[in-house]
Amino acid sequence: MSSFRALALLAALSLVPSSAGAEPETPVVGVPYVFATVDAYTVAAISLEITGTLVGENTPRTFRFWPGGRSTDATVSVEAARCDRLALLAMTRPGRYLFTWKWDTTAFNIVTCTLTRQ
């Protein structure tokens, strides 16, 4: 392999985000996560994943939330429907809104999501 190809390969590999392919992080219960940008919002059968950049950070991170400790698929869908509209708005206008997600530890693990204009 020529030195130019080796250098090009090294440069390409260094551009891949370190979090690519990494498992989503588990959020700390009771801590609000304020996203300056939302890059992805995924609704799964019993969980929600949010990828974005937190306020004060430069690198996007992915968090997996479970909106209900005793939930069924139907209640997760309701939670997702409420928050996904806010996340989508934050995605369409990066830097204009802050998307906050907080997962409280109560009898029902209540999720709160907030959209705030900057």
Protein backbone atom coordinates (compact mmCIF):
# COMPACT_ATOMS: atom_id res chain seq x y z
CA MET A 1 0.00 0.00 0.00
CA SER A 2 1.36 3.37 -0.95
CA SER A 3 1.99 5.95 1.73
CA PHE A 4 -0.67 8.19 0.14
CA ARG A 5 -3.32 5.46 0.45
CA ALA A 6 -2.29 4.72 4.03
CA LEU A 7 -2.56 8.42 4.87
CA ALA A 8 -5.97 8.67 3.18
CA LEU A 9 -7.22 5.62 5.10
CA LEU A 10 -5.97 7.04 8.38
CA ALA A 11 -7.65 10.38 7.64
CA ALA A 12 -10.94 8.66 6.77
CA LEU A 13 -10.88 6.61 9.96
CA SER A 14 -10.19 9.66 12.08
CA LEU A 15 -13.36 11.31 10.73
CA VAL A 16 -15.60 8.53 12.04
CA PRO A 17 -17.24 9.64 15.31
CA SER A 18 -15.99 7.76 18.33
CA SER A 19 -19.58 7.09 19.38
CA ALA A 20 -20.47 5.40 16.08
CA GLY A 21 -21.84 1.97 16.80
CA ALA A 22 -21.68 2.52 20.55
CA GLU A 23 -24.48 1.35 22.83
CA PRO A 24 -26.86 4.12 23.91
CA GLU A 25 -26.20 5.54 27.35
CA THR A 26 -28.62 4.96 30.21
CA PRO A 27 -29.74 8.30 31.63
CA VAL A 28 -29.59 9.13 35.32
CA VAL A 29 -33.10 9.19 36.74
CA GLY A 30 -34.21 12.65 37.88
CA VAL A 31 -31.55 14.51 35.88
CA PRO A 32 -32.86 16.77 33.08
CA TYR A 33 -31.06 16.28 29.75
CA VAL A 34 -31.07 19.53 27.76
CA PHE A 35 -30.28 19.02 24.07
CA ALA A 36 -29.00 22.02 22.09
CA THR A 37 -29.52 19.94 18.93
CA VAL A 38 -31.50 16.78 18.27
CA ASP A 39 -30.02 14.61 15.52
CA ALA A 40 -32.23 11.53 15.85
CA TYR A 41 -35.28 10.40 17.76
CA THR A 42 -36.15 6.69 17.69
CA VAL A 43 -39.29 5.08 19.05
CA ALA A 44 -38.87 1.39 19.81
CA ALA A 45 -41.35 -1.09 21.28
CA ILE A 46 -40.68 -0.16 24.92
CA SER A 47 -38.02 2.55 24.76
CA LEU A 48 -37.15 5.88 23.17
CA GLU A 49 -33.69 6.85 21.95
CA ILE A 50 -32.56 10.44 21.53
CA THR A 51 -29.31 11.38 19.80
CA GLY A 52 -28.13 14.94 20.06
CA THR A 53 -25.70 17.40 21.53
CA LEU A 54 -26.25 18.41 25.14
CA VAL A 55 -25.91 22.06 26.11
CA GLY A 56 -22.24 22.77 26.88
CA GLU A 57 -20.94 19.77 24.91
CA ASN A 58 -19.64 19.42 21.37
CA THR A 59 -20.14 15.72 20.65
CA PRO A 60 -23.53 14.10 20.02
CA ARG A 61 -24.56 11.39 22.46
CA THR A 62 -27.33 8.80 22.39
CA PHE A 63 -29.53 8.08 25.39
CA ARG A 64 -32.12 5.30 25.75
CA PHE A 65 -35.12 6.17 27.89
CA TRP A 66 -37.90 3.93 29.15
CA PRO A 67 -40.93 6.15 29.60
CA GLY A 68 -42.86 3.87 31.91
CA GLY A 69 -41.77 1.34 34.50
CA ARG A 70 -45.11 -0.46 34.36
CA SER A 71 -45.96 0.58 30.86
CA THR A 72 -47.48 -1.26 27.99
CA ASP A 73 -46.68 -0.64 24.36
CA ALA A 74 -49.77 1.61 24.17
CA THR A 75 -48.61 3.94 26.95
CA VAL A 76 -45.11 4.13 25.49
CA SER A 77 -46.72 5.17 22.20
CA VAL A 78 -48.63 7.95 23.95
CA GLU A 79 -45.44 9.23 25.61
CA ALA A 80 -43.59 9.03 22.31
CA ALA A 81 -46.33 10.89 20.44
CA ARG A 82 -46.21 13.71 22.95
CA CYS A 83 -42.45 14.15 22.89
CA ASP A 84 -41.67 13.32 19.28
CA ARG A 85 -43.39 16.46 17.99
CA LEU A 86 -41.13 18.57 20.19
CA ALA A 87 -38.02 16.62 19.18
CA LEU A 88 -38.92 16.93 15.50
CA LEU A 89 -39.32 20.69 15.82
CA ALA A 90 -35.91 20.90 17.51
CA MET A 91 -34.46 18.82 14.65
CA THR A 92 -35.87 21.08 11.94
CA ARG A 93 -34.47 24.23 13.55
CA PRO A 94 -31.09 23.39 15.10
CA GLY A 95 -29.92 25.98 17.60
CA ARG A 96 -33.28 27.71 17.82
CA TYR A 97 -34.81 25.51 20.53
CA LEU A 98 -33.60 23.53 23.53
CA PHE A 99 -35.21 20.11 23.90
CA THR A 100 -35.27 18.92 27.52
CA TRP A 101 -36.03 15.38 28.57
CA LYS A 102 -36.40 14.41 32.23
CA TRP A 103 -37.19 10.95 33.53
CA ASP A 104 -38.50 11.06 37.10
CA THR A 105 -38.46 8.09 39.40
CA THR A 106 -41.96 7.84 40.74
CA ALA A 107 -44.43 5.01 40.95
CA PHE A 108 -44.92 5.28 37.19
CA ASN A 109 -41.55 6.69 35.96
CA ILE A 110 -43.06 9.86 34.53
CA VAL A 111 -41.38 11.45 31.53
CA THR A 112 -41.35 15.20 31.00
CA CYS A 113 -40.24 16.80 27.77
CA THR A 114 -39.99 20.54 27.18
CA LEU A 115 -39.20 22.70 24.17
CA THR A 116 -37.72 26.12 24.97
CA ARG A 117 -36.91 28.85 22.47
CA GLN A 118 -33.35 30.15 22.81
